[in-house]
Every structure is written in structure tokens, then in C-alpha cells.
Protein backbone atom coordinates (compact mmCIF):
# COMPACT_ATOMS: atom_id res chain seq x y z
CA MET A 1 25.35 -21.97 120.01
CA ASN A 2 22.57 -19.41 119.55
CA LEU A 3 20.17 -19.72 122.52
CA ASN A 4 16.25 -18.72 121.95
CA ARG A 5 16.18 -15.67 124.35
CA PRO A 6 12.41 -15.07 124.64
CA TYR A 7 13.41 -12.88 128.12
CA LEU A 8 16.04 -10.66 126.82
CA ALA A 9 13.38 -8.11 126.72
CA CYS A 10 15.22 -5.00 128.15
CA THR A 11 15.43 -1.79 126.09
CA ASP A 12 18.95 -1.12 127.16
CA GLY A 13 20.66 -4.34 127.62
CA ALA A 14 19.62 -4.61 131.18
CA ARG A 15 19.18 -7.97 131.85
CA LEU A 16 16.93 -7.69 135.06
CA GLY A 17 13.45 -8.61 135.24
CA LEU A 18 10.80 -7.77 138.06
CA GLY A 19 9.32 -10.87 139.96
CA GLY A 20 5.83 -10.19 141.41
CA ALA A 21 6.14 -11.72 144.70
CA PRO A 22 6.59 -8.86 147.07
CA LEU A 23 3.64 -7.43 144.76
CA GLY A 24 1.70 -9.69 146.19
CA ASN A 25 2.25 -8.96 149.99
CA LEU A 26 4.70 -11.35 150.59
CA PHE A 27 5.32 -11.17 154.45
CA GLN A 28 4.23 -7.70 154.39
CA THR A 29 2.14 -5.24 152.91
CA VAL A 30 2.82 -3.19 149.97
CA ALA A 31 0.31 -0.45 149.02
CA ASP A 32 -1.49 -0.49 145.69
CA GLU A 33 0.10 3.22 144.96
CA THR A 34 3.52 1.82 145.61
CA ALA A 35 3.21 -0.93 143.61
CA GLN A 36 2.26 0.76 140.80
CA GLN A 37 5.33 3.08 141.76
CA VAL A 38 7.68 -0.31 141.42
CA LEU A 39 5.83 -0.93 138.25
CA ASN A 40 6.43 2.28 136.74
CA THR A 41 9.91 2.80 138.02
CA ALA A 42 11.04 -0.57 136.45
CA TRP A 43 9.46 0.19 132.91
CA LEU A 44 10.97 3.63 132.58
CA ASP A 45 14.24 2.07 133.46
CA GLY A 46 13.67 -0.27 130.64
CA CYS A 47 12.61 -3.41 132.10
CA ARG A 48 10.30 -5.20 129.75
CA THR A 49 9.94 -8.32 131.51
CA PHE A 50 7.71 -9.49 134.24
CA ASP A 51 6.67 -12.45 136.12
CA THR A 52 3.54 -12.96 138.62
CA ALA A 53 1.54 -16.23 139.76
CA PRO A 54 -1.72 -16.84 141.40
CA HIS A 55 0.12 -18.07 144.32
CA TYR A 56 1.41 -14.45 144.99
CA GLY A 57 -1.27 -12.78 147.08
CA HIS A 58 -3.91 -14.98 145.76
CA GLY A 59 -4.35 -13.04 142.32
CA LEU A 60 -3.24 -9.64 143.93
CA SER A 61 0.19 -9.63 142.29
CA GLU A 62 -1.65 -10.80 138.67
CA LYS A 63 -4.06 -7.80 139.45
CA ARG A 64 -1.46 -5.27 140.02
CA MET A 65 0.75 -6.14 137.31
CA GLY A 66 -2.36 -6.36 134.81
CA LEU A 67 -3.24 -2.94 135.76
CA ALA A 68 -0.02 -1.55 134.78
CA LEU A 69 1.00 -3.51 131.75
CA ARG A 70 -2.28 -3.06 130.04
CA GLN A 71 -1.41 0.51 129.78
CA GLN A 72 1.61 -0.61 127.39
CA ALA A 73 1.73 -1.86 123.79
CA ARG A 74 1.81 -5.56 123.15
CA PRO A 75 4.07 -6.94 122.11
CA GLY A 76 6.45 -4.75 124.06
CA PHE A 77 6.92 -6.53 127.15
CA LYS A 78 7.10 -10.16 128.27
CA LEU A 79 5.15 -11.62 131.09
CA SER A 80 4.74 -14.83 132.27
CA SER A 81 2.60 -16.39 135.09
CA LYS A 82 2.22 -20.01 136.67
CA VAL A 83 -0.31 -22.84 137.01
CA GLY A 84 -0.81 -25.86 139.40
CA ARG A 85 -2.70 -23.83 142.44
CA LEU A 86 -6.34 -22.79 141.56
CA LEU A 87 -7.91 -20.42 143.41
CA THR A 88 -11.42 -20.53 144.97
CA PRO A 89 -13.29 -17.51 145.94
CA SER A 90 -13.99 -17.19 149.96
CA PRO A 91 -15.99 -14.98 151.98
CA ASN A 92 -13.60 -14.64 154.62
CA PRO A 93 -10.18 -15.82 153.95
CA PRO A 94 -7.52 -15.69 156.41
CA ARG A 95 -5.45 -12.61 156.56
CA GLU A 96 -2.34 -14.44 156.35
CA GLN A 97 -2.00 -17.51 153.89
CA HIS A 98 1.45 -19.17 152.91
CA GLY A 99 3.37 -15.78 153.76
CA TYR A 100 1.12 -13.76 151.99
CA VAL A 101 -0.74 -11.20 154.11
CA ASP A 102 -3.99 -8.88 152.70
CA GLY A 103 -4.31 -10.97 149.48
CA LEU A 104 -7.41 -11.11 147.54
CA ALA A 105 -10.46 -12.95 148.85
CA PHE A 106 -9.65 -16.48 147.63
CA VAL A 107 -7.93 -19.77 148.94
CA GLN A 108 -5.92 -21.90 147.00
CA HIS A 109 -5.70 -25.72 146.57
CA TRP A 110 -3.32 -27.82 144.03
CA ASP A 111 -4.29 -28.89 140.72
CA PHE A 112 -2.24 -30.14 137.77
CA SER A 113 -5.17 -31.71 136.18
CA ARG A 114 -6.14 -30.88 132.49
CA SER A 115 -8.97 -28.82 133.68
CA GLY A 116 -7.21 -27.41 136.46
CA ILE A 117 -4.61 -25.98 134.04
CA ARG A 118 -6.61 -24.74 131.75
CA LYS A 119 -8.98 -22.80 134.38
CA SER A 120 -6.07 -21.63 136.18
CA LEU A 121 -4.46 -19.85 132.94
CA GLU A 122 -7.99 -18.65 132.07
CA ASP A 123 -8.49 -16.99 135.60
CA SER A 124 -5.01 -15.63 135.46
CA LEU A 125 -5.63 -13.94 132.14
CA LYS A 126 -9.16 -12.58 133.54
CA ARG A 127 -7.18 -10.63 136.44
CA LEU A 128 -4.66 -9.50 134.10
CA GLY A 129 -6.93 -8.23 131.70
CA LEU A 130 -4.84 -9.85 129.05
CA ASP A 131 -5.63 -12.29 126.29
CA ARG A 132 -2.20 -14.30 126.34
CA LEU A 133 1.12 -14.87 128.33
CA ASP A 134 4.47 -15.25 127.07
CA ALA A 135 5.26 -17.86 129.26
CA VAL A 136 3.22 -20.42 131.72
CA TYR A 137 5.44 -21.99 134.39
CA ILE A 138 4.44 -25.02 136.28
CA HIS A 139 4.93 -23.94 139.98
CA ASP A 140 6.40 -25.88 142.60
CA ILE A 141 6.37 -29.76 141.74
CA ASP A 142 9.37 -30.53 144.04
CA GLU A 143 9.37 -33.52 146.62
CA VAL A 144 10.04 -31.03 149.60
CA THR A 145 6.77 -29.44 148.60
CA HIS A 146 4.70 -32.36 147.99
CA GLY A 147 5.96 -34.82 150.45
CA THR A 148 4.34 -38.50 150.05
CA ASN A 149 2.30 -36.84 146.93
CA PHE A 150 5.24 -36.27 144.89
CA ASN A 151 5.09 -39.19 142.44
CA SER A 152 1.37 -38.81 141.90
CA VAL A 153 1.90 -34.91 141.36
CA MET A 154 4.94 -36.17 138.88
CA HIS A 155 2.76 -38.20 136.94
CA GLN A 156 -0.22 -35.68 136.15
CA VAL A 157 2.46 -32.74 135.58
CA MET A 158 3.90 -35.59 132.84
CA ASP A 159 0.61 -36.77 131.66
CA GLU A 160 -1.98 -33.68 132.07
CA ALA A 161 -0.19 -30.46 132.94
CA LEU A 162 2.21 -30.27 130.02
CA PRO A 163 -0.04 -31.83 127.50
CA MET A 164 -2.31 -29.46 128.51
CA LEU A 165 -0.14 -26.42 128.27
CA SER A 166 0.84 -27.72 124.53
CA GLN A 167 -2.65 -27.62 123.79
CA LEU A 168 -3.26 -23.81 125.07
CA LYS A 169 0.05 -22.70 123.34
CA GLN A 170 -1.60 -24.32 120.22
CA GLU A 171 -4.36 -21.84 120.77
CA GLY A 172 -2.45 -18.95 121.33
CA LEU A 173 -2.87 -18.39 124.98
CA LEU A 174 0.96 -18.55 125.39
CA THR A 175 3.91 -18.81 123.84
CA HIS A 176 6.56 -20.60 126.07
CA ILE A 177 6.37 -23.84 128.44
CA GLY A 178 8.01 -24.26 131.84
CA LEU A 179 8.71 -25.09 135.23
CA GLY A 180 8.59 -22.42 138.16
CA VAL A 181 10.88 -24.30 140.89
CA ASN A 182 13.40 -23.80 143.84
CA ASP A 183 14.68 -27.60 143.10
CA HIS A 184 16.76 -28.14 140.42
CA GLN A 185 16.67 -31.86 140.64
CA VAL A 186 13.14 -32.16 139.70
CA VAL A 187 14.25 -30.04 136.56
CA LEU A 188 16.49 -32.77 135.73
CA GLU A 189 13.91 -35.68 136.29
CA VAL A 190 11.39 -33.67 133.98
CA LEU A 191 13.80 -33.08 131.51
CA LYS A 192 14.74 -36.91 130.92
CA ARG A 193 10.76 -37.09 129.46
CA ALA A 194 9.75 -33.99 128.02
CA ASP A 195 11.21 -30.84 126.62
CA LEU A 196 10.70 -27.34 127.98
CA ASP A 197 11.16 -23.90 126.49
CA VAL A 198 11.94 -21.96 129.66
CA LEU A 199 12.70 -22.43 133.35
CA MET A 200 12.46 -20.33 136.38
CA LEU A 201 14.90 -21.76 138.85
CA ALA A 202 15.06 -19.85 142.39
CA GLY A 203 18.11 -19.89 144.70
CA ARG A 204 20.03 -22.76 143.14
CA TYR A 205 22.62 -20.83 141.13
CA THR A 206 23.75 -18.01 143.47
CA LEU A 207 26.92 -16.88 144.90
CA LEU A 208 26.11 -18.85 147.88
CA ASP A 209 24.72 -21.88 146.50
CA THR A 210 25.75 -23.15 143.07
CA SER A 211 24.43 -26.94 143.29
CA ALA A 212 22.88 -26.28 140.07
CA LEU A 213 26.13 -25.84 138.09
CA PRO A 214 27.30 -29.53 137.80
CA GLN A 215 24.27 -30.71 136.08
CA LEU A 216 21.24 -28.79 135.32
CA MET A 217 23.37 -25.42 133.88
CA PRO A 218 25.21 -27.42 131.09
CA GLU A 219 22.06 -29.65 130.57
CA LEU A 220 19.81 -26.13 129.82
CA ILE A 221 22.53 -24.86 127.35
CA GLN A 222 22.69 -28.15 125.51
CA ARG A 223 18.87 -28.39 125.81
CA ASN A 224 18.23 -24.78 124.46
CA VAL A 225 16.00 -24.10 127.66
CA ALA A 226 16.13 -20.15 128.35
CA LEU A 227 16.73 -19.74 132.23
CA ALA A 228 15.14 -17.20 133.92
CA LEU A 229 16.95 -17.01 137.50
CA GLY A 230 15.29 -16.28 140.71
CA GLY A 231 16.27 -15.77 144.62
CA VAL A 232 19.88 -15.04 143.66
CA PHE A 233 20.20 -13.47 147.07
CA ASN A 234 18.95 -16.59 148.72
CA SER A 235 15.87 -14.35 150.22
CA GLY A 236 18.16 -11.86 152.06
CA ILE A 237 21.61 -13.33 153.09
CA LEU A 238 23.44 -11.94 149.93
CA ALA A 239 21.38 -8.99 149.83
CA LYS A 240 22.91 -6.36 151.87
CA ARG A 241 26.30 -6.52 153.90
CA LEU A 242 25.89 -8.87 157.05
CA SER A 243 26.18 -6.45 159.70
CA SER A 244 23.67 -8.65 161.84
CA PRO A 245 24.32 -12.11 161.04
CA ALA A 246 21.75 -13.43 163.53
CA HIS A 247 19.16 -11.88 161.25
CA ALA A 248 20.26 -13.47 157.84
CA THR A 249 17.78 -15.49 156.15
CA PHE A 250 18.40 -18.35 153.67
CA ASN A 251 15.68 -19.60 151.81
CA TYR A 252 13.09 -17.77 153.72
CA ALA A 253 14.25 -19.15 157.23
CA PRO A 254 17.11 -18.53 159.34
CA ALA A 255 20.21 -19.06 158.06
CA SER A 256 22.41 -22.42 159.15
CA GLU A 257 25.65 -22.20 160.41
CA VAL A 258 26.95 -23.65 157.22
CA TRP A 259 25.26 -21.15 155.08
CA LEU A 260 26.09 -18.32 157.18
CA HIS A 261 29.69 -19.10 157.99
CA LYS A 262 30.22 -19.30 154.08
CA ALA A 263 28.32 -15.93 153.53
CA LEU A 264 30.75 -14.49 155.96
CA LYS A 265 33.71 -15.47 154.11
CA ILE A 266 32.54 -14.31 151.08
CA GLN A 267 31.72 -10.92 152.89
CA SER A 268 35.15 -10.81 154.33
CA ILE A 269 36.87 -11.11 150.70
CA ALA A 270 33.95 -8.22 149.27
CA ASP A 271 35.53 -5.92 151.84
CA LEU A 272 38.93 -6.80 151.20
CA TYR A 273 38.07 -5.65 147.56
CA GLY A 274 35.78 -2.77 148.32
CA VAL A 275 32.85 -5.13 146.41
CA SER A 276 29.48 -4.69 147.88
CA LEU A 277 28.02 -8.32 148.33
CA ARG A 278 24.63 -7.39 146.35
CA GLY A 279 26.59 -6.46 143.54
CA ALA A 280 28.96 -9.75 143.48
CA ALA A 281 25.70 -11.53 144.01
CA LEU A 282 23.92 -10.34 141.16
CA GLN A 283 26.56 -10.00 138.85
CA PHE A 284 27.81 -13.78 139.67
CA SER A 285 24.33 -15.29 138.37
CA LEU A 286 24.26 -13.17 135.43
CA ALA A 287 27.58 -14.38 134.17
CA HIS A 288 26.81 -18.00 133.42
CA PRO A 289 25.78 -18.33 129.64
CA ALA A 290 23.08 -20.36 130.57
CA VAL A 291 21.44 -17.54 132.29
CA HIS A 292 19.01 -15.23 130.11
CA ILE A 293 17.78 -12.77 132.55
CA VAL A 294 17.73 -12.17 136.63
CA MET A 295 14.12 -11.96 137.74
CA LEU A 296 14.11 -9.65 141.19
CA GLY A 297 11.47 -9.44 143.84
CA ILE A 298 11.17 -5.97 144.29
CA ARG A 299 9.04 -4.00 146.63
CA SER A 300 10.36 -0.72 146.45
CA GLU A 301 11.52 1.87 143.90
CA SER A 302 14.76 2.44 145.70
CA GLU A 303 15.26 -1.51 145.55
CA TRP A 304 15.04 -1.29 141.74
CA LEU A 305 17.50 1.37 141.37
CA ASP A 306 19.68 -0.38 144.23
CA ALA A 307 19.83 -3.50 141.98
CA ARG A 308 20.61 -1.71 138.98
CA LEU A 309 23.74 0.29 140.40
CA ALA A 310 24.61 -3.42 141.59
CA GLU A 311 24.37 -4.90 138.19
CA LYS A 312 26.60 -1.99 136.80
CA GLU A 313 29.26 -2.05 140.06
CA LEU A 314 33.22 -2.21 138.95
CA ILE A 315 34.22 -5.57 140.54
CA PRO A 316 37.90 -6.27 140.11
CA GLN A 317 38.82 -9.70 138.39
CA ALA A 318 41.27 -10.47 141.37
CA PHE A 319 37.94 -10.68 143.41
CA TRP A 320 36.46 -13.24 141.55
CA ASP A 321 39.92 -15.16 141.59
CA GLN A 322 40.44 -14.94 145.26
CA LEU A 323 36.61 -16.35 145.52
CA LYS A 324 37.98 -19.22 143.86
CA LYS A 325 41.14 -19.76 145.65
CA GLU A 326 39.57 -19.81 148.73
CA GLY A 327 36.87 -22.21 148.18
CA CYS A 328 33.86 -19.90 147.83
CA ILE A 329 32.62 -20.48 144.30
CA PRO A 330 33.52 -23.61 142.13
CA THR A 331 37.04 -23.08 140.19
CA ASP A 332 34.96 -23.62 136.88
CA ALA A 333 31.96 -21.46 137.68
CA PRO A 334 31.53 -18.55 135.13
CA THR A 335 32.70 -15.27 136.29
CA PRO A 336 32.27 -11.72 134.68
CA THR A 337 35.08 -10.27 132.34
CA SER A 338 37.12 -7.99 134.28
CA ASN A 339 36.39 -4.05 133.57
């Protein structure tokens, strides 16, 4: 099957895109100059796929990406943002909001209404200084996020948000409609009732957590939904060698014993074959045919260059075979072809 590939947009065949959360000062401040250096380094290295959101630094990530990308010819790159959170100007916002520090002078609130979706997109385009987006994702609609409001959020997404995005698509303000979520189950729920062009899924198809493999991944292929995969390092536990397990994070929280034990087992096999954990994690996620591109949250030039090296690392087939033999990854999980 020849899948629609709206995100495969890198000059040398690289399948890495730049995610904008760190450039919105996630957990720590990134200087404006550093943010532009990151964007410039990725661009010069062939990256042409970028993602941001109002949530990321309350518009700061969008502002920084727009500043860099406005200098480039359209349609020479792919850019996505998200809807679902509206930003309201505030004269004295908290320094830290939702994990982001020193963002723009806004506070946020949920809004999945028709009018809220339109305003969110129009505001994003103003911050970016651009006239359209290649993809717009409805952001964080899962039950963990919304709790007792989950059912009402889902109704509004189906009855208002998706129809409004379809209208905005017809108006030429966006090209692809999708979801940006951390939960694969909510994607399956939406796909029962609606079609999607694209999906940004974070953390649910990784070397450590393959929970999306049995149901969602084949469904995406069958439905021709382009997958931009994020969170392939599960927020840190797979990003580098586990020399200090006590500080390992999984889904932005201290890793539980279950995840830590599994990660250490993978690490021991990686050590046996001289493989980096980062390279294994990245290449595993890229190996599934449903994955069109992996989006990386980068906060420095060196992180981007390290990821590109990890993408090209030579990993023996015996390593993947051993992971399956030891039960670290499912036997039916696609793995890279041996070099």
C-alpha cells in the first residue's frame, strides 16, 4: 500500500522532525539565541518537518519557530500546531505553568468549541507569522487529562472541533487534520466515528512501551493515517545509558520499578552488543511501517546532532533477535533490517 506521506519532508531521506516543546521552555529556560541555533542547525542538516503548539510556553514555541521558518520558502517545509487550548493575555502570569517556565504573558484554558478552534488556529498563525499550517492536531483529549469531563470533551471534539477543522481545511488554512495525544486508546475511539489524515502519538510505541502495537498500528496502516511519532525516549529513560537509574524518568515522572527493570534489561543486552540505548530506541520506532517520521524534542544543537548519529548507528540483527528472545519486545514487532 502506498500511504499518503505528508510528513516525509527531509532533504536527504532523514525521517526526523523537530518537536517544539523544549523551545517553549519545558522545565527549563532556553535562550532565544539558542532556540534559533537549534532551528538553524536542524534546517541545515535537512530537517523540513516542524511541530509546535500554543501549550508550549504559552505561545513562545510558536513565536520562535515562526521567526525561523518565515525566512524559508513556502512550501519548502512542513509545519504543524495544535488546538484545544486557548491563550488569554495576562498582565502577571505565573512564572511556571503546566511545566513551562518563563513563557509568554498568557494563561490557558480548554476550549474545543467551534469558535474556540477557529480562534486558536487564527491566534497560532498570528504568532507564527504565517498564513497556513500543514497539519493541525486536536491536543490532549484523553481521559487521564480530563477526568470526569472526558465524555463531554469527546462529544465536543466529534460534534464541533472536527467539523470546524474540516471547514478551516476547506478555507485553505490547513491541509491535514489529526490528533496530538499520549493515549492510543482515545485514537481508536475517535477512529470508530471519524476519519483522520494524520496522528501525532507520543510515548506509546517505543522500545520500552509497545502498547500501541496490537491494535492501533495496523489500524493506522489500514486507514491510511500518517503517523508522526513522538516521545520515543519516553521522556528520558531511553535517551542515554542508565548510569543513574534513580534519576530515570518515564512519561515525565520518576520511572516505576516495572519500567526501570525492563529498561535495565534492555540496557544489559545493548551493552552486550555494543549498542547505544538511544540508537536502539530511535531505530526501533522508525522501523514500523506505520511510522512516517519521528519528532524529537530538542533543546540544543548537540542533541540534534547526537540524534542524527543515533539514527545512522550500525546495529546488528542479533541484538534485535536477542531482545525478542528475552521478551523485551514483542516477537511480531518490526525491527530494522540488518546492515
